[in-house]
Amino acid sequence: MAKGSKEKTDGRSALEAAFRAYEAGDMVVARSTARRVIASPLPDDQAAAKRVAKLLQGDDERGEVQAELVAQEIVKRTSPMLRPYLWALGGATAYLSLLVMAAVRYG
């Protein structure tokens, strides 16, 4: 399985690179690039914010769009969900407690 590579922006905005990585399914690169945009947005990112927001949210006309908010949306969409991991942890805890009770009772 090939590892995701960091995309070269070659003059394009980092926000567009984050969106391209998101569309390609590379969530790690998309999240890290979007966090760079949140930390220090460039003028290219501000110019690309409206285009990327339209691609992310559809044809909603929201007026002025900020690059930081669009990058925050990408970070939110690419963050892993914790609920399945919590369910697995709860199941493992219940199973181990049943094993301990059986060992104490019959052991």
Protein backbone atom coordinates (compact mmCIF):
# COMPACT_ATOMS: atom_id res chain seq x y z
CA MET A 1 0.00 0.00 0.00
CA ALA A 2 1.47 3.31 -1.02
CA LYS A 3 1.90 6.08 1.48
CA GLY A 4 0.30 9.45 0.84
CA SER A 5 2.77 12.04 -0.31
CA LYS A 6 2.67 15.71 0.44
CA GLU A 7 1.44 17.55 -2.60
CA LYS A 8 3.44 20.37 -4.06
CA THR A 9 1.29 23.43 -4.37
CA ASP A 10 3.32 24.90 -7.29
CA GLY A 11 1.82 28.36 -7.02
CA ARG A 12 -1.63 27.21 -5.98
CA SER A 13 -3.10 27.82 -2.57
CA ALA A 14 -2.62 25.41 0.30
CA LEU A 15 -6.38 25.44 0.83
CA GLU A 16 -6.93 24.02 -2.64
CA ALA A 17 -4.22 21.42 -1.98
CA ALA A 18 -6.03 20.43 1.23
CA PHE A 19 -9.29 20.09 -0.68
CA ARG A 20 -7.65 18.00 -3.41
CA ALA A 21 -6.18 15.69 -0.76
CA TYR A 22 -9.61 15.46 0.90
CA GLU A 23 -11.24 14.55 -2.41
CA ALA A 24 -8.53 11.97 -3.10
CA GLY A 25 -9.19 10.34 0.29
CA ASP A 26 -5.86 11.27 1.91
CA MET A 27 -7.27 12.55 5.20
CA VAL A 28 -3.92 12.92 6.98
CA VAL A 29 -2.45 15.25 4.33
CA ALA A 30 -5.73 17.16 4.05
CA ARG A 31 -5.89 17.71 7.81
CA SER A 32 -2.24 18.77 8.14
CA THR A 33 -2.46 21.14 5.17
CA ALA A 34 -5.68 22.66 6.49
CA ARG A 35 -4.06 23.17 9.89
CA ARG A 36 -1.22 25.06 8.18
CA VAL A 37 -3.82 27.30 6.54
CA ILE A 38 -5.47 27.93 9.91
CA ALA A 39 -2.10 28.84 11.44
CA SER A 40 -1.06 31.28 8.72
CA PRO A 41 -3.36 31.89 5.75
CA LEU A 42 -1.75 33.37 2.63
CA PRO A 43 -3.41 35.75 0.15
CA ASP A 44 -3.75 32.82 -2.29
CA ASP A 45 -5.73 30.95 0.36
CA GLN A 46 -8.07 33.90 0.86
CA ALA A 47 -8.66 34.06 -2.89
CA ALA A 48 -9.38 30.33 -3.10
CA ALA A 49 -11.63 30.23 -0.03
CA LYS A 50 -14.83 31.04 -1.92
CA ARG A 51 -14.20 28.39 -4.59
CA VAL A 52 -13.38 25.70 -2.05
CA ALA A 53 -16.33 26.66 0.17
CA LYS A 54 -18.64 26.33 -2.83
CA LEU A 55 -17.25 22.85 -3.52
CA LEU A 56 -17.59 21.80 0.12
CA GLN A 57 -20.97 23.29 0.96
CA GLY A 58 -22.77 23.57 -2.36
CA ASP A 59 -24.31 26.68 -3.84
CA ASP A 60 -25.10 28.43 -0.56
CA GLU A 61 -24.42 32.12 -0.95
CA ARG A 62 -22.99 33.14 2.42
CA GLY A 63 -21.30 36.37 1.45
CA GLU A 64 -17.71 36.78 2.62
CA VAL A 65 -15.87 33.50 3.22
CA GLN A 66 -12.69 33.27 5.29
CA ALA A 67 -9.95 30.77 4.54
CA GLU A 68 -9.59 29.86 8.22
CA LEU A 69 -13.25 28.81 8.45
CA VAL A 70 -13.06 26.71 5.29
CA ALA A 71 -9.86 25.05 6.55
CA GLN A 72 -11.57 24.40 9.91
CA GLU A 73 -14.40 22.70 8.00
CA ILE A 74 -11.88 20.41 6.27
CA VAL A 75 -10.23 19.59 9.62
CA LYS A 76 -13.62 18.80 11.14
CA ARG A 77 -14.57 16.54 8.23
CA THR A 78 -11.28 14.62 8.32
CA SER A 79 -11.07 14.06 12.09
CA PRO A 80 -11.53 10.41 13.06
CA MET A 81 -14.64 9.39 14.98
CA LEU A 82 -14.03 8.20 18.53
CA ARG A 83 -17.35 6.40 19.10
CA PRO A 84 -16.38 3.04 17.51
CA TYR A 85 -13.20 2.94 19.56
CA LEU A 86 -15.15 3.64 22.75
CA TRP A 87 -17.59 0.81 21.95
CA ALA A 88 -14.69 -1.58 21.34
CA LEU A 89 -13.08 -0.55 24.64
CA GLY A 90 -16.36 -1.08 26.49
CA GLY A 91 -16.82 -4.50 24.91
CA ALA A 92 -13.29 -5.56 25.80
CA THR A 93 -13.80 -4.36 29.38
CA ALA A 94 -17.05 -6.31 29.71
CA TYR A 95 -15.43 -9.45 28.29
CA LEU A 96 -12.46 -9.19 30.65
CA SER A 97 -14.73 -8.65 33.64
CA LEU A 98 -16.71 -11.79 32.71
CA LEU A 99 -13.44 -13.75 32.44
CA VAL A 100 -12.33 -12.52 35.87
CA MET A 101 -15.69 -13.41 37.45
CA ALA A 102 -15.56 -16.88 35.88
CA ALA A 103 -12.00 -17.42 37.11
CA VAL A 104 -12.95 -16.37 40.63
CA ARG A 105 -16.10 -18.50 40.67
CA TYR A 106 -14.76 -21.66 39.03
CA GLY A 107 -11.05 -21.25 39.40
